[in-house]
Amino acid sequence: MRMSIRMGGLLLALLLSAPALALSLNEAMSALPAAKAAGQLGEQPDGYLGVVAAGGNAAEIARQINQARRDEYQRLAKENNIQLRDVESMAGKKALERTPAGQYIMLNGVWMKK
């Protein structure tokens, strides 16, 4: 009985601490350059980050930043009375152009070093 109470308490503590393990947007933005340089994340033509090689916090970094990008793209689409997909496409084109040599971009559905 005591063991199940301890296990229950431990499980509850872990569940309550899980959100604290998630990165904030600022932490994700700070970690982005290193994740890109390490080849974990790359830019996609749709204006969002993609996971090239899973590891570390790559997926969480991409999730946080992609949510912020989506919010901004939606704001721009509404403000300019254009479709969200058009804003995403324009942002993706710029992101691919701005990606430095040696980092990953997705072209025709394939990750490649620029």
N, C-alpha and C. Protein backbone atom coordinates (compact mmCIF):
# COMPACT_ATOMS: atom_id res chain seq x y z
N MET A 1 0.82 -1.19 0.00
CA MET A 1 0.00 0.00 0.00
C MET A 1 0.87 1.26 0.00
N ARG A 2 1.88 1.29 0.88
CA ARG A 2 2.75 2.46 0.93
C ARG A 2 3.49 2.66 -0.39
N MET A 3 3.87 1.56 -1.00
CA MET A 3 4.59 1.64 -2.27
C MET A 3 3.70 2.26 -3.33
N SER A 4 2.41 1.89 -3.39
CA SER A 4 1.53 2.48 -4.40
C SER A 4 1.29 3.95 -4.14
N ILE A 5 1.26 4.36 -2.89
CA ILE A 5 1.08 5.79 -2.58
C ILE A 5 2.33 6.55 -3.02
N ARG A 6 3.50 5.98 -2.74
CA ARG A 6 4.76 6.62 -3.16
C ARG A 6 4.83 6.72 -4.68
N MET A 7 4.48 5.63 -5.35
CA MET A 7 4.51 5.64 -6.82
C MET A 7 3.51 6.65 -7.38
N GLY A 8 2.35 6.70 -6.77
CA GLY A 8 1.33 7.67 -7.20
C GLY A 8 1.82 9.09 -7.00
N GLY A 9 2.47 9.33 -5.87
CA GLY A 9 3.02 10.66 -5.59
C GLY A 9 4.13 11.02 -6.57
N LEU A 10 4.97 10.07 -6.87
CA LEU A 10 6.05 10.30 -7.83
C LEU A 10 5.49 10.59 -9.22
N LEU A 11 4.51 9.79 -9.62
CA LEU A 11 3.88 9.99 -10.93
C LEU A 11 3.23 11.37 -11.01
N LEU A 12 2.54 11.76 -9.95
CA LEU A 12 1.90 13.07 -9.92
C LEU A 12 2.94 14.18 -10.01
N ALA A 13 4.03 14.04 -9.28
CA ALA A 13 5.10 15.05 -9.32
C ALA A 13 5.69 15.17 -10.72
N LEU A 14 5.90 14.03 -11.38
CA LEU A 14 6.43 14.04 -12.74
C LEU A 14 5.46 14.71 -13.72
N LEU A 15 4.19 14.40 -13.59
CA LEU A 15 3.19 15.00 -14.47
C LEU A 15 3.09 16.50 -14.28
N LEU A 16 3.18 16.94 -13.04
CA LEU A 16 3.09 18.38 -12.77
C LEU A 16 4.34 19.13 -13.21
N SER A 17 5.48 18.44 -13.22
CA SER A 17 6.72 19.11 -13.63
C SER A 17 6.93 19.06 -15.13
N ALA A 18 6.19 18.26 -15.88
CA ALA A 18 6.38 18.13 -17.32
C ALA A 18 6.30 19.45 -18.06
N PRO A 19 5.32 20.32 -17.78
CA PRO A 19 5.29 21.59 -18.49
C PRO A 19 6.53 22.44 -18.25
N ALA A 20 7.14 22.27 -17.09
CA ALA A 20 8.35 23.04 -16.80
C ALA A 20 9.51 22.59 -17.67
N LEU A 21 9.44 21.37 -18.21
CA LEU A 21 10.51 20.87 -19.06
C LEU A 21 10.41 21.43 -20.48
N ALA A 22 9.25 21.93 -20.86
CA ALA A 22 9.07 22.50 -22.20
C ALA A 22 9.85 23.81 -22.31
N LEU A 23 10.34 24.07 -23.50
CA LEU A 23 11.08 25.30 -23.74
C LEU A 23 10.12 26.48 -23.92
N SER A 24 10.56 27.65 -23.49
CA SER A 24 9.81 28.86 -23.79
C SER A 24 10.21 29.29 -25.21
N LEU A 25 9.45 30.21 -25.77
CA LEU A 25 9.78 30.70 -27.10
C LEU A 25 11.16 31.36 -27.10
N ASN A 26 11.48 32.12 -26.06
CA ASN A 26 12.80 32.77 -25.99
C ASN A 26 13.92 31.73 -25.94
N GLU A 27 13.71 30.66 -25.18
CA GLU A 27 14.72 29.61 -25.11
C GLU A 27 14.86 28.91 -26.46
N ALA A 28 13.73 28.69 -27.12
CA ALA A 28 13.77 28.06 -28.45
C ALA A 28 14.50 28.94 -29.45
N MET A 29 14.23 30.24 -29.41
CA MET A 29 14.90 31.18 -30.32
C MET A 29 16.41 31.20 -30.05
N SER A 30 16.79 31.12 -28.81
CA SER A 30 18.22 31.11 -28.46
C SER A 30 18.89 29.82 -28.92
N ALA A 31 18.16 28.71 -28.87
CA ALA A 31 18.72 27.41 -29.24
C ALA A 31 18.70 27.17 -30.74
N LEU A 32 17.93 27.95 -31.49
CA LEU A 32 17.77 27.71 -32.93
C LEU A 32 19.07 27.74 -33.72
N PRO A 33 19.92 28.76 -33.58
CA PRO A 33 21.15 28.77 -34.40
C PRO A 33 22.01 27.52 -34.21
N ALA A 34 22.15 27.06 -32.97
CA ALA A 34 22.96 25.87 -32.71
C ALA A 34 22.31 24.62 -33.32
N ALA A 35 20.99 24.54 -33.22
CA ALA A 35 20.28 23.37 -33.79
C ALA A 35 20.40 23.35 -35.30
N LYS A 36 20.34 24.52 -35.92
CA LYS A 36 20.51 24.58 -37.38
C LYS A 36 21.95 24.23 -37.77
N ALA A 37 22.91 24.79 -37.04
CA ALA A 37 24.32 24.52 -37.33
C ALA A 37 24.67 23.05 -37.13
N ALA A 38 23.99 22.39 -36.19
CA ALA A 38 24.23 20.97 -35.93
C ALA A 38 23.50 20.07 -36.93
N GLY A 39 22.72 20.67 -37.82
CA GLY A 39 22.01 19.88 -38.81
C GLY A 39 20.75 19.21 -38.29
N GLN A 40 20.24 19.68 -37.16
CA GLN A 40 19.01 19.10 -36.60
C GLN A 40 17.75 19.72 -37.18
N LEU A 41 17.81 21.00 -37.53
CA LEU A 41 16.65 21.72 -38.05
C LEU A 41 17.00 22.38 -39.37
N GLY A 42 15.99 22.53 -40.21
CA GLY A 42 16.18 23.21 -41.48
C GLY A 42 14.92 23.95 -41.89
N GLU A 43 15.07 24.80 -42.88
CA GLU A 43 13.96 25.61 -43.38
C GLU A 43 13.23 24.87 -44.49
N GLN A 44 11.92 25.01 -44.51
CA GLN A 44 11.07 24.38 -45.50
C GLN A 44 10.41 25.44 -46.39
N PRO A 45 10.01 25.07 -47.58
CA PRO A 45 9.38 26.04 -48.50
C PRO A 45 8.04 26.58 -48.00
N ASP A 46 7.46 25.92 -47.00
CA ASP A 46 6.17 26.39 -46.49
C ASP A 46 6.31 27.44 -45.40
N GLY A 47 7.54 27.88 -45.13
CA GLY A 47 7.77 28.93 -44.14
C GLY A 47 7.97 28.44 -42.73
N TYR A 48 8.04 27.15 -42.55
CA TYR A 48 8.20 26.58 -41.22
C TYR A 48 9.48 25.78 -41.12
N LEU A 49 9.92 25.57 -39.88
CA LEU A 49 11.09 24.74 -39.62
C LEU A 49 10.70 23.28 -39.69
N GLY A 50 11.64 22.46 -40.07
CA GLY A 50 11.44 21.02 -40.06
C GLY A 50 12.58 20.35 -39.34
N VAL A 51 12.31 19.18 -38.78
CA VAL A 51 13.33 18.41 -38.08
C VAL A 51 14.06 17.56 -39.12
N VAL A 52 15.34 17.84 -39.28
CA VAL A 52 16.19 17.10 -40.22
C VAL A 52 16.70 15.83 -39.54
N ALA A 53 17.20 15.98 -38.33
CA ALA A 53 17.73 14.86 -37.55
C ALA A 53 17.27 15.04 -36.11
N ALA A 54 16.45 14.14 -35.64
CA ALA A 54 15.93 14.24 -34.28
C ALA A 54 17.06 14.14 -33.28
N GLY A 55 16.91 14.85 -32.22
CA GLY A 55 17.91 14.82 -31.16
C GLY A 55 17.79 16.06 -30.31
N GLY A 56 18.19 15.94 -29.07
CA GLY A 56 18.11 17.08 -28.17
C GLY A 56 16.70 17.63 -28.10
N ASN A 57 16.57 18.93 -28.20
CA ASN A 57 15.28 19.60 -28.15
C ASN A 57 14.80 20.02 -29.53
N ALA A 58 15.31 19.41 -30.58
CA ALA A 58 15.01 19.86 -31.94
C ALA A 58 13.51 19.96 -32.21
N ALA A 59 12.77 18.94 -31.86
CA ALA A 59 11.32 18.95 -32.14
C ALA A 59 10.62 20.05 -31.35
N GLU A 60 11.01 20.25 -30.11
CA GLU A 60 10.38 21.28 -29.27
C GLU A 60 10.75 22.68 -29.77
N ILE A 61 12.00 22.86 -30.20
CA ILE A 61 12.42 24.14 -30.76
C ILE A 61 11.57 24.45 -31.98
N ALA A 62 11.44 23.47 -32.88
CA ALA A 62 10.65 23.66 -34.09
C ALA A 62 9.19 23.95 -33.74
N ARG A 63 8.63 23.24 -32.78
CA ARG A 63 7.23 23.44 -32.41
C ARG A 63 6.99 24.86 -31.89
N GLN A 64 7.84 25.29 -31.00
CA GLN A 64 7.69 26.64 -30.42
C GLN A 64 7.80 27.73 -31.49
N ILE A 65 8.84 27.62 -32.30
CA ILE A 65 9.08 28.66 -33.31
C ILE A 65 8.02 28.60 -34.41
N ASN A 66 7.63 27.41 -34.81
CA ASN A 66 6.59 27.29 -35.84
C ASN A 66 5.27 27.87 -35.37
N GLN A 67 4.95 27.70 -34.10
CA GLN A 67 3.71 28.29 -33.58
C GLN A 67 3.78 29.82 -33.63
N ALA A 68 4.92 30.37 -33.26
CA ALA A 68 5.09 31.83 -33.31
C ALA A 68 5.03 32.31 -34.76
N ARG A 69 5.66 31.57 -35.67
CA ARG A 69 5.61 31.94 -37.09
C ARG A 69 4.17 31.88 -37.61
N ARG A 70 3.46 30.81 -37.27
CA ARG A 70 2.07 30.66 -37.73
C ARG A 70 1.22 31.83 -37.25
N ASP A 71 1.39 32.22 -35.99
CA ASP A 71 0.65 33.36 -35.45
C ASP A 71 0.95 34.63 -36.24
N GLU A 72 2.22 34.84 -36.54
CA GLU A 72 2.62 36.03 -37.29
C GLU A 72 2.11 35.97 -38.73
N TYR A 73 2.20 34.81 -39.37
CA TYR A 73 1.69 34.67 -40.73
C TYR A 73 0.19 34.93 -40.78
N GLN A 74 -0.54 34.44 -39.79
CA GLN A 74 -1.99 34.68 -39.74
C GLN A 74 -2.29 36.17 -39.58
N ARG A 75 -1.51 36.83 -38.74
CA ARG A 75 -1.69 38.28 -38.55
C ARG A 75 -1.44 39.02 -39.86
N LEU A 76 -0.36 38.67 -40.54
CA LEU A 76 -0.02 39.33 -41.80
C LEU A 76 -1.07 39.06 -42.88
N ALA A 77 -1.55 37.84 -42.93
CA ALA A 77 -2.57 37.48 -43.93
C ALA A 77 -3.84 38.30 -43.70
N LYS A 78 -4.25 38.39 -42.47
CA LYS A 78 -5.46 39.15 -42.14
C LYS A 78 -5.26 40.64 -42.42
N GLU A 79 -4.12 41.15 -41.99
CA GLU A 79 -3.81 42.57 -42.16
C GLU A 79 -3.77 42.98 -43.64
N ASN A 80 -3.29 42.07 -44.48
CA ASN A 80 -3.12 42.38 -45.91
C ASN A 80 -4.20 41.77 -46.79
N ASN A 81 -5.18 41.13 -46.14
CA ASN A 81 -6.31 40.53 -46.86
C ASN A 81 -5.85 39.55 -47.95
N ILE A 82 -4.91 38.66 -47.54
CA ILE A 82 -4.43 37.62 -48.45
C ILE A 82 -4.54 36.27 -47.76
N GLN A 83 -4.39 35.21 -48.52
CA GLN A 83 -4.49 33.86 -47.99
C GLN A 83 -3.27 33.51 -47.13
N LEU A 84 -3.51 32.75 -46.08
CA LEU A 84 -2.42 32.30 -45.21
C LEU A 84 -1.37 31.54 -46.01
N ARG A 85 -1.78 30.67 -46.91
CA ARG A 85 -0.81 29.87 -47.67
C ARG A 85 0.10 30.76 -48.52
N ASP A 86 -0.40 31.93 -48.96
CA ASP A 86 0.44 32.85 -49.74
C ASP A 86 1.51 33.48 -48.86
N VAL A 87 1.14 33.83 -47.63
CA VAL A 87 2.12 34.38 -46.69
C VAL A 87 3.15 33.31 -46.35
N GLU A 88 2.70 32.09 -46.09
CA GLU A 88 3.62 30.99 -45.78
C GLU A 88 4.60 30.75 -46.92
N SER A 89 4.09 30.78 -48.14
CA SER A 89 4.94 30.55 -49.31
C SER A 89 5.99 31.65 -49.47
N MET A 90 5.56 32.90 -49.30
CA MET A 90 6.52 34.02 -49.41
C MET A 90 7.58 33.93 -48.31
N ALA A 91 7.15 33.63 -47.10
CA ALA A 91 8.09 33.51 -45.99
C ALA A 91 9.05 32.34 -46.22
N GLY A 92 8.53 31.24 -46.75
CA GLY A 92 9.38 30.08 -47.02
C GLY A 92 10.43 30.40 -48.06
N LYS A 93 10.04 31.10 -49.09
CA LYS A 93 11.00 31.47 -50.14
C LYS A 93 12.12 32.33 -49.56
N LYS A 94 11.74 33.32 -48.74
CA LYS A 94 12.76 34.18 -48.12
C LYS A 94 13.66 33.38 -47.18
N ALA A 95 13.07 32.47 -46.40
CA ALA A 95 13.86 31.68 -45.45
C ALA A 95 14.87 30.80 -46.19
N LEU A 96 14.43 30.20 -47.29
CA LEU A 96 15.36 29.36 -48.07
C LEU A 96 16.49 30.20 -48.64
N GLU A 97 16.17 31.40 -49.13
CA GLU A 97 17.20 32.28 -49.70
C GLU A 97 18.18 32.74 -48.64
N ARG A 98 17.71 33.00 -47.44
CA ARG A 98 18.54 33.54 -46.36
C ARG A 98 19.35 32.48 -45.62
N THR A 99 19.03 31.23 -45.83
CA THR A 99 19.75 30.16 -45.12
C THR A 99 21.20 30.13 -45.59
N PRO A 100 22.13 30.20 -44.65
CA PRO A 100 23.54 30.19 -45.03
C PRO A 100 23.98 28.83 -45.58
N ALA A 101 25.04 28.87 -46.35
CA ALA A 101 25.64 27.64 -46.89
C ALA A 101 26.00 26.72 -45.72
N GLY A 102 25.79 25.43 -45.93
CA GLY A 102 26.12 24.44 -44.91
C GLY A 102 24.95 24.05 -44.03
N GLN A 103 23.86 24.83 -44.08
CA GLN A 103 22.68 24.47 -43.30
C GLN A 103 21.66 23.82 -44.22
N TYR A 104 20.68 23.16 -43.60
CA TYR A 104 19.71 22.37 -44.36
C TYR A 104 18.49 23.16 -44.80
N ILE A 105 18.07 22.85 -46.02
CA ILE A 105 16.81 23.35 -46.56
C ILE A 105 16.11 22.16 -47.23
N MET A 106 14.80 22.28 -47.34
CA MET A 106 14.05 21.22 -48.01
C MET A 106 13.69 21.69 -49.41
N LEU A 107 14.08 20.90 -50.40
CA LEU A 107 13.73 21.17 -51.79
C LEU A 107 13.11 19.92 -52.38
N ASN A 108 11.95 20.07 -52.98
CA ASN A 108 11.24 18.94 -53.59
C ASN A 108 11.07 17.78 -52.61
N GLY A 109 10.81 18.11 -51.34
CA GLY A 109 10.55 17.09 -50.34
C GLY A 109 11.78 16.39 -49.81
N VAL A 110 12.97 16.89 -50.15
CA VAL A 110 14.23 16.25 -49.73
C VAL A 110 15.09 17.25 -48.98
N TRP A 111 15.62 16.84 -47.83
CA TRP A 111 16.56 17.69 -47.09
C TRP A 111 17.90 17.67 -47.79
N MET A 112 18.47 18.87 -47.97
CA MET A 112 19.81 18.96 -48.54
C MET A 112 20.55 20.15 -47.94
N LYS A 113 21.88 20.02 -47.90
CA LYS A 113 22.68 21.14 -47.43
C LYS A 113 22.73 22.18 -48.52
N LYS A 114 22.58 23.41 -48.12
CA LYS A 114 22.65 24.51 -49.08
C LYS A 114 24.09 24.79 -49.43
